[in-house]
Amino acid sequence: MHKLLFVAGILLLLMGVLFIGQGTGIFPYPSYSFMVSDMGWAYRGIAIAVLGAIAVLLSRKMRR
């Protein structure tokens, strides 16, 4: 179970970073994306990345 939580956490972290990058305009690919330079998506990305980090930390605690 901890492996599944760890993988899900990593995926959430990566997705959150992507949302942050597109929302802030740092990663404007594809250029026609509705997420580019929309800070609402950056804020959502922060929340998703935090949830991913929590999932990774919880999975590491379950391992012990």
PDB file of N, CA and C in Angstrom:
ATOM      1  N   MET A   1       0.818  -1.194   0.000  1.00  0.00           N
ATOM      2  CA  MET A   1       0.000   0.000   0.000  1.00  0.00           C
ATOM      3  C   MET A   1       0.864   1.262   0.000  1.00  0.00           C
ATOM      4  N   HIS A   2       1.988   1.208   0.715  1.00  0.00           N
ATOM      5  CA  HIS A   2       2.826   2.402   0.788  1.00  0.00           C
ATOM      6  C   HIS A   2       3.461   2.729  -0.560  1.00  0.00           C
ATOM      7  N   LYS A   3       3.708   1.718  -1.386  1.00  0.00           N
ATOM      8  CA  LYS A   3       4.269   1.979  -2.713  1.00  0.00           C
ATOM      9  C   LYS A   3       3.269   2.714  -3.593  1.00  0.00           C
ATOM     10  N   LEU A   4       2.013   2.330  -3.518  1.00  0.00           N
ATOM     11  CA  LEU A   4       0.968   2.986  -4.294  1.00  0.00           C
ATOM     12  C   LEU A   4       0.818   4.446  -3.856  1.00  0.00           C
ATOM     13  N   LEU A   5       0.835   4.690  -2.565  1.00  0.00           N
ATOM     14  CA  LEU A   5       0.732   6.046  -2.041  1.00  0.00           C
ATOM     15  C   LEU A   5       1.945   6.876  -2.452  1.00  0.00           C
ATOM     16  N   PHE A   6       3.125   6.260  -2.441  1.00  0.00           N
ATOM     17  CA  PHE A   6       4.353   6.952  -2.841  1.00  0.00           C
ATOM     18  C   PHE A   6       4.290   7.359  -4.313  1.00  0.00           C
ATOM     19  N   VAL A   7       3.896   6.436  -5.173  1.00  0.00           N
ATOM     20  CA  VAL A   7       3.812   6.726  -6.611  1.00  0.00           C
ATOM     21  C   VAL A   7       2.752   7.794  -6.874  1.00  0.00           C
ATOM     22  N   ALA A   8       1.617   7.685  -6.215  1.00  0.00           N
ATOM     23  CA  ALA A   8       0.569   8.694  -6.379  1.00  0.00           C
ATOM     24  C   ALA A   8       1.061  10.063  -5.911  1.00  0.00           C
ATOM     25  N   GLY A   9       1.803  10.092  -4.828  1.00  0.00           N
ATOM     26  CA  GLY A   9       2.355  11.345  -4.318  1.00  0.00           C
ATOM     27  C   GLY A   9       3.338  11.978  -5.285  1.00  0.00           C
ATOM     28  N   ILE A  10       4.200  11.169  -5.872  1.00  0.00           N
ATOM     29  CA  ILE A  10       5.161  11.676  -6.852  1.00  0.00           C
ATOM     30  C   ILE A  10       4.429  12.234  -8.071  1.00  0.00           C
ATOM     31  N   LEU A  11       3.412  11.513  -8.538  1.00  0.00           N
ATOM     32  CA  LEU A  11       2.640  11.992  -9.690  1.00  0.00           C
ATOM     33  C   LEU A  11       1.924  13.307  -9.373  1.00  0.00           C
ATOM     34  N   LEU A  12       1.381  13.415  -8.175  1.00  0.00           N
ATOM     35  CA  LEU A  12       0.728  14.661  -7.774  1.00  0.00           C
ATOM     36  C   LEU A  12       1.734  15.805  -7.696  1.00  0.00           C
ATOM     37  N   LEU A  13       2.915  15.523  -7.174  1.00  0.00           N
ATOM     38  CA  LEU A  13       3.957  16.549  -7.123  1.00  0.00           C
ATOM     39  C   LEU A  13       4.314  17.043  -8.520  1.00  0.00           C
ATOM     40  N   LEU A  14       4.529  16.120  -9.439  1.00  0.00           N
ATOM     41  CA  LEU A  14       4.886  16.498 -10.807  1.00  0.00           C
ATOM     42  C   LEU A  14       3.764  17.282 -11.480  1.00  0.00           C
ATOM     43  N   MET A  15       2.538  16.841 -11.277  1.00  0.00           N
ATOM     44  CA  MET A  15       1.405  17.533 -11.866  1.00  0.00           C
ATOM     45  C   MET A  15       1.279  18.941 -11.273  1.00  0.00           C
ATOM     46  N   GLY A  16       1.497  19.069  -9.986  1.00  0.00           N
ATOM     47  CA  GLY A  16       1.433  20.383  -9.341  1.00  0.00           C
ATOM     48  C   GLY A  16       2.497  21.329  -9.874  1.00  0.00           C
ATOM     49  N   VAL A  17       3.706  20.819 -10.073  1.00  0.00           N
ATOM     50  CA  VAL A  17       4.777  21.652 -10.621  1.00  0.00           C
ATOM     51  C   VAL A  17       4.434  22.087 -12.046  1.00  0.00           C
ATOM     52  N   LEU A  18       3.859  21.193 -12.822  1.00  0.00           N
ATOM     53  CA  LEU A  18       3.443  21.539 -14.179  1.00  0.00           C
ATOM     54  C   LEU A  18       2.367  22.629 -14.148  1.00  0.00           C
ATOM     55  N   PHE A  19       1.390  22.498 -13.270  1.00  0.00           N
ATOM     56  CA  PHE A  19       0.340  23.517 -13.147  1.00  0.00           C
ATOM     57  C   PHE A  19       0.941  24.860 -12.739  1.00  0.00           C
ATOM     58  N   ILE A  20       1.874  24.838 -11.806  1.00  0.00           N
ATOM     59  CA  ILE A  20       2.518  26.072 -11.364  1.00  0.00           C
ATOM     60  C   ILE A  20       3.276  26.713 -12.526  1.00  0.00           C
ATOM     61  N   GLY A  21       4.021  25.896 -13.268  1.00  0.00           N
ATOM     62  CA  GLY A  21       4.791  26.413 -14.392  1.00  0.00           C
ATOM     63  C   GLY A  21       3.916  27.021 -15.471  1.00  0.00           C
ATOM     64  N   GLN A  22       2.815  26.368 -15.787  1.00  0.00           N
ATOM     65  CA  GLN A  22       1.923  26.912 -16.808  1.00  0.00           C
ATOM     66  C   GLN A  22       1.148  28.112 -16.281  1.00  0.00           C
ATOM     67  N   GLY A  23       0.709  28.054 -15.060  1.00  0.00           N
ATOM     68  CA  GLY A  23      -0.063  29.166 -14.495  1.00  0.00           C
ATOM     69  C   GLY A  23       0.734  30.444 -14.362  1.00  0.00           C
ATOM     70  N   THR A  24       2.019  30.319 -14.072  1.00  0.00           N
ATOM     71  CA  THR A  24       2.863  31.505 -13.951  1.00  0.00           C
ATOM     72  C   THR A  24       3.459  31.929 -15.286  1.00  0.00           C
ATOM     73  N   GLY A  25       3.344  31.099 -16.304  1.00  0.00           N
ATOM     74  CA  GLY A  25       3.905  31.421 -17.613  1.00  0.00           C
ATOM     75  C   GLY A  25       5.344  30.991 -17.783  1.00  0.00           C
ATOM     76  N   ILE A  26       5.912  30.311 -16.786  1.00  0.00           N
ATOM     77  CA  ILE A  26       7.293  29.839 -16.877  1.00  0.00           C
ATOM     78  C   ILE A  26       7.405  28.715 -17.901  1.00  0.00           C
ATOM     79  N   PHE A  27       6.382  27.881 -17.979  1.00  0.00           N
ATOM     80  CA  PHE A  27       6.352  26.750 -18.910  1.00  0.00           C
ATOM     81  C   PHE A  27       5.122  26.892 -19.812  1.00  0.00           C
ATOM     82  N   PRO A  28       5.216  27.756 -20.844  1.00  0.00           N
ATOM     83  CA  PRO A  28       4.038  28.027 -21.687  1.00  0.00           C
ATOM     84  C   PRO A  28       3.874  27.046 -22.839  1.00  0.00           C
ATOM     85  N   TYR A  29       3.818  25.771 -22.523  1.00  0.00           N
ATOM     86  CA  TYR A  29       3.678  24.770 -23.585  1.00  0.00           C
ATOM     87  C   TYR A  29       2.464  23.908 -23.304  1.00  0.00           C
ATOM     88  N   PRO A  30       1.604  23.675 -24.187  1.00  0.00           N
ATOM     89  CA  PRO A  30       1.480  24.308 -25.502  1.00  0.00           C
ATOM     90  C   PRO A  30       1.015  25.749 -25.353  1.00  0.00           C
ATOM     91  N   SER A  31       1.419  26.597 -26.261  1.00  0.00           N
ATOM     92  CA  SER A  31       1.158  28.034 -26.139  1.00  0.00           C
ATOM     93  C   SER A  31      -0.328  28.376 -26.188  1.00  0.00           C
ATOM     94  N   TYR A  32      -1.139  27.516 -26.754  1.00  0.00           N
ATOM     95  CA  TYR A  32      -2.581  27.780 -26.845  1.00  0.00           C
ATOM     96  C   TYR A  32      -3.356  27.237 -25.645  1.00  0.00           C
ATOM     97  N   SER A  33      -2.657  26.717 -24.646  1.00  0.00           N
ATOM     98  CA  SER A  33      -3.326  26.151 -23.475  1.00  0.00           C
ATOM     99  C   SER A  33      -4.045  27.236 -22.687  1.00  0.00           C
ATOM    100  N   PHE A  34      -5.212  26.925 -22.196  1.00  0.00           N
ATOM    101  CA  PHE A  34      -5.989  27.868 -21.396  1.00  0.00           C
ATOM    102  C   PHE A  34      -5.357  28.108 -20.030  1.00  0.00           C
ATOM    103  N   MET A  35      -4.393  27.286 -19.638  1.00  0.00           N
ATOM    104  CA  MET A  35      -3.764  27.414 -18.328  1.00  0.00           C
ATOM    105  C   MET A  35      -2.609  28.414 -18.310  1.00  0.00           C
ATOM    106  N   VAL A  36      -2.071  28.759 -19.471  1.00  0.00           N
ATOM    107  CA  VAL A  36      -0.873  29.598 -19.542  1.00  0.00           C
ATOM    108  C   VAL A  36      -1.175  30.999 -19.013  1.00  0.00           C
ATOM    109  N   SER A  37      -0.342  31.439 -18.088  1.00  0.00           N
ATOM    110  CA  SER A  37      -0.423  32.778 -17.469  1.00  0.00           C
ATOM    111  C   SER A  37      -1.748  33.031 -16.760  1.00  0.00           C
ATOM    112  N   ASP A  38      -2.317  32.021 -16.176  1.00  0.00           N
ATOM    113  CA  ASP A  38      -3.532  32.150 -15.370  1.00  0.00           C
ATOM    114  C   ASP A  38      -3.163  31.724 -13.947  1.00  0.00           C
ATOM    115  N   MET A  39      -3.024  32.711 -13.050  1.00  0.00           N
ATOM    116  CA  MET A  39      -2.550  32.435 -11.698  1.00  0.00           C
ATOM    117  C   MET A  39      -3.471  31.497 -10.920  1.00  0.00           C
ATOM    118  N   GLY A  40      -4.714  31.388 -11.317  1.00  0.00           N
ATOM    119  CA  GLY A  40      -5.611  30.435 -10.660  1.00  0.00           C
ATOM    120  C   GLY A  40      -5.071  29.013 -10.759  1.00  0.00           C
ATOM    121  N   TRP A  41      -4.494  28.688 -11.911  1.00  0.00           N
ATOM    122  CA  TRP A  41      -3.924  27.357 -12.090  1.00  0.00           C
ATOM    123  C   TRP A  41      -2.641  27.191 -11.281  1.00  0.00           C
ATOM    124  N   ALA A  42      -1.898  28.270 -11.099  1.00  0.00           N
ATOM    125  CA  ALA A  42      -0.694  28.198 -10.274  1.00  0.00           C
ATOM    126  C   ALA A  42      -1.067  27.897  -8.817  1.00  0.00           C
ATOM    127  N   TYR A  43      -2.121  28.539  -8.341  1.00  0.00           N
ATOM    128  CA  TYR A  43      -2.570  28.291  -6.972  1.00  0.00           C
ATOM    129  C   TYR A  43      -3.076  26.856  -6.805  1.00  0.00           C
ATOM    130  N   ARG A  44      -3.791  26.381  -7.804  1.00  0.00           N
ATOM    131  CA  ARG A  44      -4.241  24.979  -7.755  1.00  0.00           C
ATOM    132  C   ARG A  44      -3.034  24.040  -7.764  1.00  0.00           C
ATOM    133  N   GLY A  45      -2.029  24.402  -8.536  1.00  0.00           N
ATOM    134  CA  GLY A  45      -0.811  23.592  -8.599  1.00  0.00           C
ATOM    135  C   GLY A  45      -0.101  23.519  -7.257  1.00  0.00           C
ATOM    136  N   ILE A  46      -0.080  24.627  -6.542  1.00  0.00           N
ATOM    137  CA  ILE A  46       0.528  24.635  -5.212  1.00  0.00           C
ATOM    138  C   ILE A  46      -0.216  23.663  -4.299  1.00  0.00           C
ATOM    139  N   ALA A  47      -1.540  23.711  -4.329  1.00  0.00           N
ATOM    140  CA  ALA A  47      -2.344  22.815  -3.487  1.00  0.00           C
ATOM    141  C   ALA A  47      -2.103  21.358  -3.862  1.00  0.00           C
ATOM    142  N   ILE A  48      -2.041  21.064  -5.152  1.00  0.00           N
ATOM    143  CA  ILE A  48      -1.813  19.686  -5.605  1.00  0.00           C
ATOM    144  C   ILE A  48      -0.423  19.217  -5.199  1.00  0.00           C
ATOM    145  N   ALA A  49       0.581  20.091  -5.349  1.00  0.00           N
ATOM    146  CA  ALA A  49       1.950  19.722  -4.980  1.00  0.00           C
ATOM    147  C   ALA A  49       2.060  19.465  -3.478  1.00  0.00           C
ATOM    148  N   VAL A  50       1.375  20.260  -2.678  1.00  0.00           N
ATOM    149  CA  VAL A  50       1.387  20.051  -1.218  1.00  0.00           C
ATOM    150  C   VAL A  50       0.738  18.709  -0.877  1.00  0.00           C
ATOM    151  N   LEU A  51      -0.379  18.396  -1.515  1.00  0.00           N
ATOM    152  CA  LEU A  51      -1.013  17.094  -1.275  1.00  0.00           C
ATOM    153  C   LEU A  51      -0.075  15.950  -1.681  1.00  0.00           C
ATOM    154  N   GLY A  52       0.626  16.121  -2.788  1.00  0.00           N
ATOM    155  CA  GLY A  52       1.587  15.104  -3.217  1.00  0.00           C
ATOM    156  C   GLY A  52       2.706  14.921  -2.214  1.00  0.00           C
ATOM    157  N   ALA A  53       3.213  16.032  -1.685  1.00  0.00           N
ATOM    158  CA  ALA A  53       4.283  15.946  -0.686  1.00  0.00           C
ATOM    159  C   ALA A  53       3.789  15.249   0.583  1.00  0.00           C
ATOM    160  N   ILE A  54       2.576  15.550   0.987  1.00  0.00           N
ATOM    161  CA  ILE A  54       2.001  14.887   2.166  1.00  0.00           C
ATOM    162  C   ILE A  54       1.858  13.391   1.910  1.00  0.00           C
ATOM    163  N   ALA A  55       1.409  13.016   0.717  1.00  0.00           N
ATOM    164  CA  ALA A  55       1.259  11.597   0.386  1.00  0.00           C
ATOM    165  C   ALA A  55       2.607  10.889   0.417  1.00  0.00           C
ATOM    166  N   VAL A  56       3.641  11.531  -0.106  1.00  0.00           N
ATOM    167  CA  VAL A  56       4.976  10.922  -0.090  1.00  0.00           C
ATOM    168  C   VAL A  56       5.455  10.750   1.347  1.00  0.00           C
ATOM    169  N   LEU A  57       5.284  11.770   2.163  1.00  0.00           N
ATOM    170  CA  LEU A  57       5.715  11.674   3.566  1.00  0.00           C
ATOM    171  C   LEU A  57       4.948  10.594   4.318  1.00  0.00           C
ATOM    172  N   LEU A  58       3.640  10.514   4.094  1.00  0.00           N
ATOM    173  CA  LEU A  58       2.843   9.473   4.737  1.00  0.00           C
ATOM    174  C   LEU A  58       3.261   8.076   4.295  1.00  0.00           C
ATOM    175  N   SER A  59       3.589   7.936   3.022  1.00  0.00           N
ATOM    176  CA  SER A  59       4.013   6.623   2.529  1.00  0.00           C
ATOM    177  C   SER A  59       5.333   6.202   3.156  1.00  0.00           C
ATOM    178  N   ARG A  60       6.197   7.174   3.404  1.00  0.00           N
ATOM    179  CA  ARG A  60       7.484   6.850   4.028  1.00  0.00           C
ATOM    180  C   ARG A  60       7.292   6.459   5.494  1.00  0.00           C
ATOM    181  N   LYS A  61       6.319   7.074   6.163  1.00  0.00           N
ATOM    182  CA  LYS A  61       6.032   6.703   7.547  1.00  0.00           C
ATOM    183  C   LYS A  61       5.404   5.319   7.634  1.00  0.00           C
ATOM    184  N   MET A  62       4.577   4.966   6.635  1.00  0.00           N
ATOM    185  CA  MET A  62       3.933   3.655   6.619  1.00  0.00           C
ATOM    186  C   MET A  62       4.972   2.534   6.437  1.00  0.00           C
ATOM    187  N   ARG A  63       6.061   2.866   5.807  1.00  0.00           N
ATOM    188  CA  ARG A  63       7.098   1.878   5.498  1.00  0.00           C
ATOM    189  C   ARG A  63       7.784   1.354   6.747  1.00  0.00           C
ATOM    190  N   ARG A  64       7.840   2.178   7.773  1.00  0.00           N
ATOM    191  CA  ARG A  64       8.571   1.814   8.996  1.00  0.00           C
ATOM    192  C   ARG A  64       7.921   0.722   9.761  1.00  0.00           C
TER     193      ARG A  64
END
